[in-house]
Amino acid sequence: MDKASIDLASIDPASTDSISSGSTSPNPSTILKAENGLQTLLINDQPQAVYIQGDDFSKPILLVLHGGPGFAMMPLLHQTNAELEKHFIVVNWDQRGAGLSFDISISEESLSLAQLVDDAHVLTSALKQTFQRDKIYLLAHSFGTVIAMYLLEQQPSDYYAYAGVGQIVSVVENEQLSYDFALEQAQSNAHVQAINELVAVGRSNEDGEYLDDAGYEVTAKWMAFFGGELVGKTDTGTIEETILSHHPYLNQQNKWLQGWQLSQALFYDDQVWEFDFRTDIPSVEVPIYFLMGRYDQAAPVTLVTDYYRLLHAPDKRLTWFEHSAHFPFYEQSDLFNRTLIQLFRQHVSY
C-alpha cells in the first residue's frame, strides 16, 4: 500500500460537531492524498501545519510534539526514523507559531503553555475522529514533554501510552543544572572564555532568573559546546541542517527561524517557570516511558531520575541510551526505533 495520508484540510478540528457532520469514515481505498503528507488545519482559529506519514492506514496514530519551544522538526523523524512509519501513522505537528505554523499575525501575547496544550487536545480529538481511533500514542521531545504531561493529566483516556525524550521536569532547576554542568566542564577543561562568560552571568536564582538575560543564551551555548545536547558535538548544527534541507522546510528557512524567535515568547508565561512535575503531576493514568540520553544536560538526567522514582503510572520505564545526549532518536536512531516500537506495541494489537 502507498504511504498513508489523508486530506484533513476541509476539517475544522476547533469544533467537534463540525468534524462529525462534515466528514465520513475514511478508508484506505478512499484516502485523499495530500501533497507529500503536508496538511494545514484550523486549530482553535489558527492555521497550523501537520505532516502525516505512514506505510499502512490501519496502523495506530503516533502524535509527535516537538521541543524548543519553537524547534519544529517535521523532516527529522521522517529522515532518521522512517522505520516508525512501518508501525504507526506518524503525525508531526508544528505547534502554534512554530515552523510552518508561523504567521506574522500571531502576537507574542497569544502564545502560552495553556494555549499549546489546548491546541494539542483539539488535534488529538481530530485525529481520533478522522481516523476512527479510540486512542492514539504520544511521543514528545524536550519542551514538547511539558505539553504532553498536561495532556496526560487532563485527558488520559485519549492515549494508549506516552514516551518522553529529553523529559522536562522543572524549567527552573533545568536551567540551574545546565549552568552547573557548563561551568564544571569549562573549569575542568580550563576553557578560559567559557569560564569568564559563565562567571560573568552567574547562576540563575530560585525563580530561574539571571542578573542579565544574556545568561540564558550563555548557559545554552556552553552546555551544548561541552556535549550536553549531542555527544561529541559542540552544537546542534547537523540536526538543523537535516531539518532545513528537506521537505517540507526546504526553501522555508526564514519562516522556520521567525517561528523559532516568536516561540521564545512562551518564556514570558509564568506557568512555564512555576511547574514542577514532581509535585504537580506525581501520578498519571497512562503508561509512561522516559527515553533518555545518558549525557543529556539540556534536560538534566538527575531531574528525570528523581521524577521517575516517585512517579506512579500503570506502567513506567526509564530507558537509557548510552551514546546519546538530548537527541537519542537522532544519535542512536535504530536502537531508538526498536525500543519505542517494543514498548508501544504491547498496548494495542497491530
C-alpha atoms as a PDB file:
ATOM      1  CA  MET A   1       0.000   0.000   0.000  1.00  0.00           C
ATOM      2  CA  ASP A   2       1.175   3.563  -0.644  1.00  0.00           C
ATOM      3  CA  LYS A   3       2.157   5.802   2.183  1.00  0.00           C
ATOM      4  CA  ALA A   4      -0.952   6.506   4.232  1.00  0.00           C
ATOM      5  CA  SER A   5      -2.078  10.091   4.146  1.00  0.00           C
ATOM      6  CA  ILE A   6      -5.425  11.764   4.483  1.00  0.00           C
ATOM      7  CA  ASP A   7      -6.697  15.152   3.451  1.00  0.00           C
ATOM      8  CA  LEU A   8      -7.804  16.867   6.643  1.00  0.00           C
ATOM      9  CA  ALA A   9      -7.714  20.331   5.100  1.00  0.00           C
ATOM     10  CA  SER A  10     -11.506  20.657   4.964  1.00  0.00           C
ATOM     11  CA  ILE A  11     -11.927  19.674   8.595  1.00  0.00           C
ATOM     12  CA  ASP A  12     -12.054  22.325  11.312  1.00  0.00           C
ATOM     13  CA  PRO A  13     -10.970  20.499  14.469  1.00  0.00           C
ATOM     14  CA  ALA A  14     -11.822  23.527  16.567  1.00  0.00           C
ATOM     15  CA  SER A  15     -15.375  22.206  16.571  1.00  0.00           C
ATOM     16  CA  THR A  16     -16.034  18.559  17.297  1.00  0.00           C
ATOM     17  CA  ASP A  17     -19.526  18.925  15.850  1.00  0.00           C
ATOM     18  CA  SER A  18     -18.202  20.139  12.517  1.00  0.00           C
ATOM     19  CA  ILE A  19     -15.826  17.203  12.356  1.00  0.00           C
ATOM     20  CA  SER A  20     -18.634  14.744  12.937  1.00  0.00           C
ATOM     21  CA  SER A  21     -21.051  16.257  10.466  1.00  0.00           C
ATOM     22  CA  GLY A  22     -18.549  17.266   7.825  1.00  0.00           C
ATOM     23  CA  SER A  23     -16.573  14.061   7.387  1.00  0.00           C
ATOM     24  CA  THR A  24     -17.204  10.438   6.576  1.00  0.00           C
ATOM     25  CA  SER A  25     -15.275   7.477   7.870  1.00  0.00           C
ATOM     26  CA  PRO A  26     -12.124   7.275   5.747  1.00  0.00           C
ATOM     27  CA  ASN A  27     -10.754   4.008   4.480  1.00  0.00           C
ATOM     28  CA  PRO A  28      -7.635   3.025   2.524  1.00  0.00           C
ATOM     29  CA  SER A  29      -9.413   2.981  -0.817  1.00  0.00           C
ATOM     30  CA  THR A  30     -10.798   6.498  -0.460  1.00  0.00           C
ATOM     31  CA  ILE A  31      -7.856   8.290   1.103  1.00  0.00           C
ATOM     32  CA  LEU A  32      -7.456  11.754  -0.338  1.00  0.00           C
ATOM     33  CA  LYS A  33      -3.768  12.241  -0.955  1.00  0.00           C
ATOM     34  CA  ALA A  34      -2.238  15.424   0.395  1.00  0.00           C
ATOM     35  CA  GLU A  35       0.888  16.723  -1.279  1.00  0.00           C
ATOM     36  CA  ASN A  36       3.712  14.745   0.337  1.00  0.00           C
ATOM     37  CA  GLY A  37       1.714  14.298   3.532  1.00  0.00           C
ATOM     38  CA  LEU A  38       1.615  18.002   4.425  1.00  0.00           C
ATOM     39  CA  GLN A  39      -1.662  19.398   5.756  1.00  0.00           C
ATOM     40  CA  THR A  40      -2.873  22.703   7.163  1.00  0.00           C
ATOM     41  CA  LEU A  41      -5.557  22.524   9.854  1.00  0.00           C
ATOM     42  CA  LEU A  42      -7.548  25.281  11.500  1.00  0.00           C
ATOM     43  CA  ILE A  43      -6.921  24.617  15.179  1.00  0.00           C
ATOM     44  CA  ASN A  44      -8.621  26.997  17.582  1.00  0.00           C
ATOM     45  CA  ASP A  45      -8.984  29.523  14.758  1.00  0.00           C
ATOM     46  CA  GLN A  46      -5.285  29.427  13.850  1.00  0.00           C
ATOM     47  CA  PRO A  47      -3.937  27.620  10.734  1.00  0.00           C
ATOM     48  CA  GLN A  48      -1.353  25.044  11.806  1.00  0.00           C
ATOM     49  CA  ALA A  49       0.714  22.548   9.834  1.00  0.00           C
ATOM     50  CA  VAL A  50       0.825  18.781  10.283  1.00  0.00           C
ATOM     51  CA  TYR A  51       2.936  16.249   8.396  1.00  0.00           C
ATOM     52  CA  ILE A  52       1.374  12.769   8.154  1.00  0.00           C
ATOM     53  CA  GLN A  53       3.469   9.783   7.097  1.00  0.00           C
ATOM     54  CA  GLY A  54       2.883   6.030   7.311  1.00  0.00           C
ATOM     55  CA  ASP A  55       3.059   2.854   5.256  1.00  0.00           C
ATOM     56  CA  ASP A  56      -0.274   1.397   6.343  1.00  0.00           C
ATOM     57  CA  PHE A  57      -3.502   3.225   7.084  1.00  0.00           C
ATOM     58  CA  SER A  58      -4.556   0.543   9.576  1.00  0.00           C
ATOM     59  CA  LYS A  59      -1.675   1.211  11.988  1.00  0.00           C
ATOM     60  CA  PRO A  60      -2.070   3.228  15.211  1.00  0.00           C
ATOM     61  CA  ILE A  61      -1.630   7.005  15.264  1.00  0.00           C
ATOM     62  CA  LEU A  62       1.569   8.440  16.773  1.00  0.00           C
ATOM     63  CA  LEU A  63       1.404  12.176  17.502  1.00  0.00           C
ATOM     64  CA  VAL A  64       4.807  13.854  17.860  1.00  0.00           C
ATOM     65  CA  LEU A  65       5.251  17.024  19.942  1.00  0.00           C
ATOM     66  CA  HIS A  66       8.438  18.907  19.106  1.00  0.00           C
ATOM     67  CA  GLY A  67      10.543  20.813  21.599  1.00  0.00           C
ATOM     68  CA  GLY A  68      12.101  24.235  21.744  1.00  0.00           C
ATOM     69  CA  PRO A  69       9.797  25.969  22.267  1.00  0.00           C
ATOM     70  CA  GLY A  70       9.709  26.555  18.532  1.00  0.00           C
ATOM     71  CA  PHE A  71      12.167  23.821  17.479  1.00  0.00           C
ATOM     72  CA  ALA A  72       9.879  22.485  14.758  1.00  0.00           C
ATOM     73  CA  MET A  73      11.359  19.343  13.208  1.00  0.00           C
ATOM     74  CA  MET A  74       8.921  17.791  10.740  1.00  0.00           C
ATOM     75  CA  PRO A  75      11.573  16.303   8.392  1.00  0.00           C
ATOM     76  CA  LEU A  76      13.859  14.943  11.120  1.00  0.00           C
ATOM     77  CA  LEU A  77      11.944  11.835  12.171  1.00  0.00           C
ATOM     78  CA  HIS A  78      10.997  11.163   8.557  1.00  0.00           C
ATOM     79  CA  GLN A  79      14.671  11.194   7.574  1.00  0.00           C
ATOM     80  CA  THR A  80      16.216   9.378  10.560  1.00  0.00           C
ATOM     81  CA  ASN A  81      13.331   7.328  11.981  1.00  0.00           C
ATOM     82  CA  ALA A  82      11.402   6.174   8.925  1.00  0.00           C
ATOM     83  CA  GLU A  83      11.143   2.705  10.489  1.00  0.00           C
ATOM     84  CA  LEU A  84       8.438   4.111  12.758  1.00  0.00           C
ATOM     85  CA  GLU A  85       6.277   4.738   9.687  1.00  0.00           C
ATOM     86  CA  LYS A  86       6.003   0.978   9.164  1.00  0.00           C
ATOM     87  CA  HIS A  87       4.350   0.618  12.563  1.00  0.00           C
ATOM     88  CA  PHE A  88       2.456   3.899  13.019  1.00  0.00           C
ATOM     89  CA  ILE A  89       0.819   6.705  11.148  1.00  0.00           C
ATOM     90  CA  VAL A  90       3.288   9.349  12.303  1.00  0.00           C
ATOM     91  CA  VAL A  91       1.854  12.842  12.747  1.00  0.00           C
ATOM     92  CA  ASN A  92       4.386  15.640  13.177  1.00  0.00           C
ATOM     93  CA  TRP A  93       2.771  18.911  14.206  1.00  0.00           C
ATOM     94  CA  ASP A  94       4.289  22.381  14.001  1.00  0.00           C
ATOM     95  CA  GLN A  95       2.882  23.997  17.121  1.00  0.00           C
ATOM     96  CA  ARG A  96       1.175  27.390  17.033  1.00  0.00           C
ATOM     97  CA  GLY A  97       3.664  29.994  15.815  1.00  0.00           C
ATOM     98  CA  ALA A  98       6.453  27.487  15.059  1.00  0.00           C
ATOM     99  CA  GLY A  99       7.829  26.196  11.762  1.00  0.00           C
ATOM    100  CA  LEU A 100       5.238  26.215   9.000  1.00  0.00           C
ATOM    101  CA  SER A 101       2.629  27.272  11.573  1.00  0.00           C
ATOM    102  CA  PHE A 102       4.352  30.652  11.877  1.00  0.00           C
ATOM    103  CA  ASP A 103       2.270  33.617  10.789  1.00  0.00           C
ATOM    104  CA  ILE A 104       3.186  37.256  11.102  1.00  0.00           C
ATOM    105  CA  SER A 105      -0.270  37.948  12.556  1.00  0.00           C
ATOM    106  CA  ILE A 106       0.404  35.813  15.663  1.00  0.00           C
ATOM    107  CA  SER A 107       1.197  38.037  18.626  1.00  0.00           C
ATOM    108  CA  GLU A 108       3.592  37.130  21.413  1.00  0.00           C
ATOM    109  CA  GLU A 109       0.767  37.738  23.887  1.00  0.00           C
ATOM    110  CA  SER A 110      -1.317  34.974  22.293  1.00  0.00           C
ATOM    111  CA  LEU A 111       1.333  32.331  22.968  1.00  0.00           C
ATOM    112  CA  SER A 112       1.034  30.454  26.247  1.00  0.00           C
ATOM    113  CA  LEU A 113       1.577  26.965  27.559  1.00  0.00           C
ATOM    114  CA  ALA A 114      -2.148  26.591  28.212  1.00  0.00           C
ATOM    115  CA  GLN A 115      -2.892  27.532  24.589  1.00  0.00           C
ATOM    116  CA  LEU A 116      -0.481  24.916  23.213  1.00  0.00           C
ATOM    117  CA  VAL A 117      -1.982  22.278  25.489  1.00  0.00           C
ATOM    118  CA  ASP A 118      -5.478  23.162  24.297  1.00  0.00           C
ATOM    119  CA  ASP A 119      -4.341  23.079  20.663  1.00  0.00           C
ATOM    120  CA  ALA A 120      -2.899  19.620  21.259  1.00  0.00           C
ATOM    121  CA  HIS A 121      -6.192  18.445  22.788  1.00  0.00           C
ATOM    122  CA  VAL A 122      -8.059  19.647  19.707  1.00  0.00           C
ATOM    123  CA  LEU A 123      -5.601  17.998  17.325  1.00  0.00           C
ATOM    124  CA  THR A 124      -5.810  14.726  19.270  1.00  0.00           C
ATOM    125  CA  SER A 125      -9.602  14.759  19.028  1.00  0.00           C
ATOM    126  CA  ALA A 126      -9.473  15.491  15.303  1.00  0.00           C
ATOM    127  CA  LEU A 127      -7.041  12.635  14.670  1.00  0.00           C
ATOM    128  CA  LYS A 128      -9.113  10.175  16.693  1.00  0.00           C
ATOM    129  CA  GLN A 129     -12.313  11.102  14.918  1.00  0.00           C
ATOM    130  CA  THR A 130     -10.921  11.347  11.407  1.00  0.00           C
ATOM    131  CA  PHE A 131      -9.004   8.077  11.588  1.00  0.00           C
ATOM    132  CA  GLN A 132     -11.716   6.331  13.640  1.00  0.00           C
ATOM    133  CA  ARG A 133      -9.468   5.581  16.630  1.00  0.00           C
ATOM    134  CA  ASP A 134     -10.391   5.351  20.304  1.00  0.00           C
ATOM    135  CA  LYS A 135      -6.887   6.344  21.392  1.00  0.00           C
ATOM    136  CA  ILE A 136      -3.533   7.402  19.975  1.00  0.00           C
ATOM    137  CA  TYR A 137       0.121   7.215  21.021  1.00  0.00           C
ATOM    138  CA  LEU A 138       2.076  10.245  22.151  1.00  0.00           C
ATOM    139  CA  LEU A 139       5.794  10.956  21.624  1.00  0.00           C
ATOM    140  CA  ALA A 140       7.304  14.222  22.836  1.00  0.00           C
ATOM    141  CA  HIS A 141      10.734  15.809  22.925  1.00  0.00           C
ATOM    142  CA  SER A 142      12.147  18.441  25.289  1.00  0.00           C
ATOM    143  CA  PHE A 143       9.676  21.346  25.708  1.00  0.00           C
ATOM    144  CA  GLY A 144       7.067  19.176  23.983  1.00  0.00           C
ATOM    145  CA  THR A 145       7.202  16.881  27.025  1.00  0.00           C
ATOM    146  CA  VAL A 146       5.741  19.705  29.119  1.00  0.00           C
ATOM    147  CA  ILE A 147       2.712  19.888  26.833  1.00  0.00           C
ATOM    148  CA  ALA A 148       2.481  16.091  26.933  1.00  0.00           C
ATOM    149  CA  MET A 149       2.359  15.842  30.719  1.00  0.00           C
ATOM    150  CA  TYR A 150      -0.610  18.209  30.873  1.00  0.00           C
ATOM    151  CA  LEU A 151      -2.352  16.213  28.146  1.00  0.00           C
ATOM    152  CA  LEU A 152      -1.916  13.041  30.193  1.00  0.00           C
ATOM    153  CA  GLU A 153      -3.180  14.737  33.313  1.00  0.00           C
ATOM    154  CA  GLN A 154      -6.209  16.352  31.689  1.00  0.00           C
ATOM    155  CA  GLN A 155      -7.350  13.716  29.190  1.00  0.00           C
ATOM    156  CA  PRO A 156      -5.692  10.355  29.919  1.00  0.00           C
ATOM    157  CA  SER A 157      -8.369   8.381  28.047  1.00  0.00           C
ATOM    158  CA  ASP A 158      -7.061   9.794  24.746  1.00  0.00           C
ATOM    159  CA  TYR A 159      -3.733   7.974  24.873  1.00  0.00           C
ATOM    160  CA  TYR A 160      -2.527   4.363  24.806  1.00  0.00           C
ATOM    161  CA  ALA A 161       0.906   5.321  26.117  1.00  0.00           C
ATOM    162  CA  TYR A 162       3.414   8.166  26.213  1.00  0.00           C
ATOM    163  CA  ALA A 163       7.155   8.330  25.520  1.00  0.00           C
ATOM    164  CA  GLY A 164       9.102  11.364  26.717  1.00  0.00           C
ATOM    165  CA  VAL A 165      12.514  12.094  25.217  1.00  0.00           C
ATOM    166  CA  GLY A 166      14.602  14.729  26.966  1.00  0.00           C
ATOM    167  CA  GLN A 167      11.840  14.909  29.570  1.00  0.00           C
ATOM    168  CA  ILE A 168      11.485  18.274  31.287  1.00  0.00           C
ATOM    169  CA  VAL A 169      10.631  18.198  34.998  1.00  0.00           C
ATOM    170  CA  SER A 170      11.220  21.773  36.200  1.00  0.00           C
ATOM    171  CA  VAL A 171      12.363  24.610  33.944  1.00  0.00           C
ATOM    172  CA  VAL A 172      13.935  26.497  36.864  1.00  0.00           C
ATOM    173  CA  GLU A 173      16.068  23.578  38.076  1.00  0.00           C
ATOM    174  CA  ASN A 174      16.720  22.606  34.472  1.00  0.00           C
ATOM    175  CA  GLU A 175      18.367  25.993  33.893  1.00  0.00           C
ATOM    176  CA  GLN A 176      20.389  25.803  37.097  1.00  0.00           C
ATOM    177  CA  LEU A 177      21.721  22.289  36.469  1.00  0.00           C
ATOM    178  CA  SER A 178      22.582  23.081  32.847  1.00  0.00           C
ATOM    179  CA  TYR A 179      24.614  26.026  34.117  1.00  0.00           C
ATOM    180  CA  ASP A 180      26.352  23.872  36.737  1.00  0.00           C
ATOM    181  CA  PHE A 181      27.335  21.336  34.087  1.00  0.00           C
ATOM    182  CA  ALA A 182      28.655  24.005  31.724  1.00  0.00           C
ATOM    183  CA  LEU A 183      30.729  25.717  34.415  1.00  0.00           C
ATOM    184  CA  GLU A 184      32.117  22.419  35.720  1.00  0.00           C
ATOM    185  CA  GLN A 185      33.144  21.371  32.218  1.00  0.00           C
ATOM    186  CA  ALA A 186      34.633  24.784  31.499  1.00  0.00           C
ATOM    187  CA  GLN A 187      36.738  24.622  34.654  1.00  0.00           C
ATOM    188  CA  SER A 188      37.854  21.012  34.182  1.00  0.00           C
ATOM    189  CA  ASN A 189      38.876  21.811  30.603  1.00  0.00           C
ATOM    190  CA  ALA A 190      40.465  25.129  31.571  1.00  0.00           C
ATOM    191  CA  HIS A 191      38.409  26.850  28.895  1.00  0.00           C
ATOM    192  CA  VAL A 192      39.052  30.489  29.767  1.00  0.00           C
ATOM    193  CA  GLN A 193      36.406  32.044  27.520  1.00  0.00           C
ATOM    194  CA  ALA A 194      33.684  29.723  28.785  1.00  0.00           C
ATOM    195  CA  ILE A 195      34.674  30.297  32.424  1.00  0.00           C
ATOM    196  CA  ASN A 196      34.700  34.064  32.007  1.00  0.00           C
ATOM    197  CA  GLU A 197      31.325  34.215  30.268  1.00  0.00           C
ATOM    198  CA  LEU A 198      29.620  31.848  32.696  1.00  0.00           C
ATOM    199  CA  VAL A 199      31.015  33.533  35.791  1.00  0.00           C
ATOM    200  CA  ALA A 200      30.008  36.923  34.410  1.00  0.00           C
ATOM    201  CA  VAL A 201      26.317  35.977  34.144  1.00  0.00           C
ATOM    202  CA  GLY A 202      26.268  33.826  37.284  1.00  0.00           C
ATOM    203  CA  ARG A 203      23.902  31.012  38.195  1.00  0.00           C
ATOM    204  CA  SER A 204      20.177  31.674  37.853  1.00  0.00           C
ATOM    205  CA  ASN A 205      18.223  32.205  41.087  1.00  0.00           C
ATOM    206  CA  GLU A 206      15.326  30.273  42.608  1.00  0.00           C
ATOM    207  CA  ASP A 207      12.967  31.856  40.069  1.00  0.00           C
ATOM    208  CA  GLY A 208      15.187  30.844  37.157  1.00  0.00           C
ATOM    209  CA  GLU A 209      16.336  34.417  36.566  1.00  0.00           C
ATOM    210  CA  TYR A 210      19.846  35.656  35.789  1.00  0.00           C
ATOM    211  CA  LEU A 211      21.155  39.091  36.709  1.00  0.00           C
ATOM    212  CA  ASP A 212      21.476  39.611  32.951  1.00  0.00           C
ATOM    213  CA  ASP A 213      19.090  37.991  30.463  1.00  0.00           C
ATOM    214  CA  ALA A 214      22.145  37.072  28.398  1.00  0.00           C
ATOM    215  CA  GLY A 215      22.623  34.285  30.942  1.00  0.00           C
ATOM    216  CA  TYR A 216      20.111  32.033  29.191  1.00  0.00           C
ATOM    217  CA  GLU A 217      21.973  32.208  25.903  1.00  0.00           C
ATOM    218  CA  VAL A 218      25.390  31.869  27.542  1.00  0.00           C
ATOM    219  CA  THR A 219      24.353  28.788  29.506  1.00  0.00           C
ATOM    220  CA  ALA A 220      22.742  27.151  26.473  1.00  0.00           C
ATOM    221  CA  LYS A 221      25.781  27.857  24.296  1.00  0.00           C
ATOM    222  CA  TRP A 222      28.340  26.339  26.637  1.00  0.00           C
ATOM    223  CA  MET A 223      26.117  23.455  27.752  1.00  0.00           C
ATOM    224  CA  ALA A 224      25.880  22.449  24.087  1.00  0.00           C
ATOM    225  CA  PHE A 225      29.576  23.146  23.460  1.00  0.00           C
ATOM    226  CA  PHE A 226      30.574  20.577  26.072  1.00  0.00           C
ATOM    227  CA  GLY A 227      28.332  17.840  24.608  1.00  0.00           C
ATOM    228  CA  GLY A 228      25.161  18.321  26.631  1.00  0.00           C
ATOM    229  CA  GLU A 229      22.929  18.221  23.541  1.00  0.00           C
ATOM    230  CA  LEU A 230      24.824  15.968  21.118  1.00  0.00           C
ATOM    231  CA  VAL A 231      27.611  13.646  22.241  1.00  0.00           C
ATOM    232  CA  GLY A 232      30.905  14.670  20.678  1.00  0.00           C
ATOM    233  CA  LYS A 233      29.426  17.814  19.115  1.00  0.00           C
ATOM    234  CA  THR A 234      29.678  21.445  20.158  1.00  0.00           C
ATOM    235  CA  ASP A 235      26.268  22.464  18.802  1.00  0.00           C
ATOM    236  CA  THR A 236      23.188  21.094  17.044  1.00  0.00           C
ATOM    237  CA  GLY A 237      24.175  22.306  13.589  1.00  0.00           C
ATOM    238  CA  THR A 238      23.961  18.862  11.984  1.00  0.00           C
ATOM    239  CA  ILE A 239      20.382  18.434  13.179  1.00  0.00           C
ATOM    240  CA  GLU A 240      19.343  21.871  11.997  1.00  0.00           C
ATOM    241  CA  GLU A 241      20.913  21.174   8.601  1.00  0.00           C
ATOM    242  CA  THR A 242      18.878  17.973   8.280  1.00  0.00           C
ATOM    243  CA  ILE A 243      15.702  19.778   9.299  1.00  0.00           C
ATOM    244  CA  LEU A 244      16.094  22.752   6.982  1.00  0.00           C
ATOM    245  CA  SER A 245      17.386  20.918   3.909  1.00  0.00           C
ATOM    246  CA  HIS A 246      14.435  18.559   3.435  1.00  0.00           C
ATOM    247  CA  HIS A 247      10.748  18.786   2.562  1.00  0.00           C
ATOM    248  CA  PRO A 248       8.624  20.405   3.843  1.00  0.00           C
ATOM    249  CA  TYR A 249      11.044  23.053   5.168  1.00  0.00           C
ATOM    250  CA  LEU A 250      13.147  23.299   2.026  1.00  0.00           C
ATOM    251  CA  ASN A 251      13.166  26.977   0.990  1.00  0.00           C
ATOM    252  CA  GLN A 252      11.297  27.816   4.192  1.00  0.00           C
ATOM    253  CA  GLN A 253      14.332  28.572   6.364  1.00  0.00           C
ATOM    254  CA  ASN A 254      13.337  32.171   7.069  1.00  0.00           C
ATOM    255  CA  LYS A 255       9.866  31.129   8.163  1.00  0.00           C
ATOM    256  CA  TRP A 256      11.362  28.460  10.427  1.00  0.00           C
ATOM    257  CA  LEU A 257      13.708  30.999  12.039  1.00  0.00           C
ATOM    258  CA  GLN A 258      10.902  33.504  12.518  1.00  0.00           C
ATOM    259  CA  GLY A 259       8.833  30.803  14.193  1.00  0.00           C
ATOM    260  CA  TRP A 260      11.733  29.900  16.481  1.00  0.00           C
ATOM    261  CA  GLN A 261      12.144  33.525  17.508  1.00  0.00           C
ATOM    262  CA  LEU A 262       8.424  34.103  18.055  1.00  0.00           C
ATOM    263  CA  SER A 263       8.089  30.944  20.150  1.00  0.00           C
ATOM    264  CA  GLN A 264      10.576  32.246  22.712  1.00  0.00           C
ATOM    265  CA  ALA A 265       7.709  34.445  23.908  1.00  0.00           C
ATOM    266  CA  LEU A 266       6.461  31.364  25.757  1.00  0.00           C
ATOM    267  CA  PHE A 267       9.142  32.078  28.336  1.00  0.00           C
ATOM    268  CA  TYR A 268       7.137  35.162  29.347  1.00  0.00           C
ATOM    269  CA  ASP A 269       4.428  32.793  30.588  1.00  0.00           C
ATOM    270  CA  ASP A 270       4.674  32.398  34.361  1.00  0.00           C
ATOM    271  CA  GLN A 271       3.323  28.845  34.167  1.00  0.00           C
ATOM    272  CA  VAL A 272       6.447  27.769  32.283  1.00  0.00           C
ATOM    273  CA  TRP A 273       8.597  28.779  35.251  1.00  0.00           C
ATOM    274  CA  GLU A 274       6.310  27.659  38.051  1.00  0.00           C
ATOM    275  CA  PHE A 275       5.604  23.982  37.387  1.00  0.00           C
ATOM    276  CA  ASP A 276       7.495  21.106  38.945  1.00  0.00           C
ATOM    277  CA  PHE A 277       6.072  17.782  37.840  1.00  0.00           C
ATOM    278  CA  ARG A 278       7.454  16.028  40.919  1.00  0.00           C
ATOM    279  CA  THR A 279       4.826  17.849  42.986  1.00  0.00           C
ATOM    280  CA  ASP A 280       2.328  18.956  40.307  1.00  0.00           C
ATOM    281  CA  ILE A 281       1.841  15.640  38.488  1.00  0.00           C
ATOM    282  CA  PRO A 282       3.116  12.837  40.753  1.00  0.00           C
ATOM    283  CA  SER A 283       0.879  10.259  39.065  1.00  0.00           C
ATOM    284  CA  VAL A 284      -0.694   9.618  35.666  1.00  0.00           C
ATOM    285  CA  GLU A 285      -3.247   7.101  34.407  1.00  0.00           C
ATOM    286  CA  VAL A 286      -1.335   6.346  31.193  1.00  0.00           C
ATOM    287  CA  PRO A 287       1.692   4.054  30.685  1.00  0.00           C
ATOM    288  CA  ILE A 288       4.713   6.344  30.571  1.00  0.00           C
ATOM    289  CA  TYR A 289       8.214   5.765  29.250  1.00  0.00           C
ATOM    290  CA  PHE A 290      11.215   8.047  29.524  1.00  0.00           C
ATOM    291  CA  LEU A 291      13.764   7.504  26.742  1.00  0.00           C
ATOM    292  CA  MET A 292      16.820   9.444  27.850  1.00  0.00           C
ATOM    293  CA  GLY A 293      20.287  10.040  26.501  1.00  0.00           C
ATOM    294  CA  ARG A 294      22.828   9.244  29.206  1.00  0.00           C
ATOM    295  CA  TYR A 295      24.664  12.519  28.614  1.00  0.00           C
ATOM    296  CA  ASP A 296      21.651  14.823  28.313  1.00  0.00           C
ATOM    297  CA  GLN A 297      22.278  18.143  30.036  1.00  0.00           C
ATOM    298  CA  ALA A 298      19.658  20.129  28.111  1.00  0.00           C
ATOM    299  CA  ALA A 299      17.173  18.114  30.197  1.00  0.00           C
ATOM    300  CA  PRO A 300      19.489  17.125  33.063  1.00  0.00           C
ATOM    301  CA  VAL A 301      19.273  13.423  33.744  1.00  0.00           C
ATOM    302  CA  THR A 302      19.249  13.799  37.530  1.00  0.00           C
ATOM    303  CA  LEU A 303      15.865  15.544  37.392  1.00  0.00           C
ATOM    304  CA  VAL A 304      14.369  12.772  35.270  1.00  0.00           C
ATOM    305  CA  THR A 305      15.759  10.119  37.613  1.00  0.00           C
ATOM    306  CA  ASP A 306      14.208  11.905  40.611  1.00  0.00           C
ATOM    307  CA  TYR A 307      10.846  12.205  38.895  1.00  0.00           C
ATOM    308  CA  TYR A 308      10.839   8.601  37.720  1.00  0.00           C
ATOM    309  CA  ARG A 309      11.399   7.275  41.255  1.00  0.00           C
ATOM    310  CA  LEU A 310       8.285   8.915  42.672  1.00  0.00           C
ATOM    311  CA  LEU A 311       6.012   8.794  39.614  1.00  0.00           C
ATOM    312  CA  HIS A 312       3.015   6.459  39.772  1.00  0.00           C
ATOM    313  CA  ALA A 313       1.648   5.062  36.489  1.00  0.00           C
ATOM    314  CA  PRO A 314       0.017   1.852  35.209  1.00  0.00           C
ATOM    315  CA  ASP A 315       3.384   1.039  33.646  1.00  0.00           C
ATOM    316  CA  LYS A 316       6.607   3.024  33.607  1.00  0.00           C
ATOM    317  CA  ARG A 317      10.129   2.538  32.257  1.00  0.00           C
ATOM    318  CA  LEU A 318      13.278   4.611  32.223  1.00  0.00           C
ATOM    319  CA  THR A 319      15.481   3.593  29.298  1.00  0.00           C
ATOM    320  CA  TRP A 320      18.997   4.955  28.879  1.00  0.00           C
ATOM    321  CA  PHE A 321      20.693   5.482  25.531  1.00  0.00           C
ATOM    322  CA  GLU A 322      24.354   5.155  26.415  1.00  0.00           C
ATOM    323  CA  HIS A 323      25.776   7.028  23.427  1.00  0.00           C
ATOM    324  CA  SER A 324      23.318   9.919  23.306  1.00  0.00           C
ATOM    325  CA  ALA A 325      22.572  13.235  24.913  1.00  0.00           C
ATOM    326  CA  HIS A 326      19.417  15.259  24.157  1.00  0.00           C
ATOM    327  CA  PHE A 327      18.540  13.639  20.802  1.00  0.00           C
ATOM    328  CA  PRO A 328      18.678   9.821  21.135  1.00  0.00           C
ATOM    329  CA  PHE A 329      16.202   9.391  18.261  1.00  0.00           C
ATOM    330  CA  TYR A 330      18.851  11.042  16.071  1.00  0.00           C
ATOM    331  CA  GLU A 331      22.060   9.867  17.755  1.00  0.00           C
ATOM    332  CA  GLN A 332      21.015   6.202  18.101  1.00  0.00           C
ATOM    333  CA  SER A 333      18.101   6.053  15.694  1.00  0.00           C
ATOM    334  CA  ASP A 334      17.993   2.282  15.074  1.00  0.00           C
ATOM    335  CA  LEU A 335      18.032   1.421  18.772  1.00  0.00           C
ATOM    336  CA  PHE A 336      15.525   4.165  19.493  1.00  0.00           C
ATOM    337  CA  ASN A 337      13.115   2.867  16.848  1.00  0.00           C
ATOM    338  CA  ARG A 338      13.316  -0.718  18.121  1.00  0.00           C
ATOM    339  CA  THR A 339      12.852   0.393  21.727  1.00  0.00           C
ATOM    340  CA  LEU A 340       9.849   2.615  21.061  1.00  0.00           C
ATOM    341  CA  ILE A 341       8.109   0.022  18.883  1.00  0.00           C
ATOM    342  CA  GLN A 342       8.645  -2.681  21.503  1.00  0.00           C
ATOM    343  CA  LEU A 343       7.334  -0.503  24.340  1.00  0.00           C
ATOM    344  CA  PHE A 344       4.269   0.709  22.446  1.00  0.00           C
ATOM    345  CA  ARG A 345       3.175  -2.459  20.684  1.00  0.00           C
ATOM    346  CA  GLN A 346       2.251  -4.149  23.973  1.00  0.00           C
ATOM    347  CA  HIS A 347      -0.679  -1.738  24.386  1.00  0.00           C
ATOM    348  CA  VAL A 348      -2.541  -2.452  21.167  1.00  0.00           C
ATOM    349  CA  SER A 349      -2.554  -5.385  18.763  1.00  0.00           C
ATOM    350  CA  TYR A 350      -1.495  -4.491  15.208  1.00  0.00           C
END
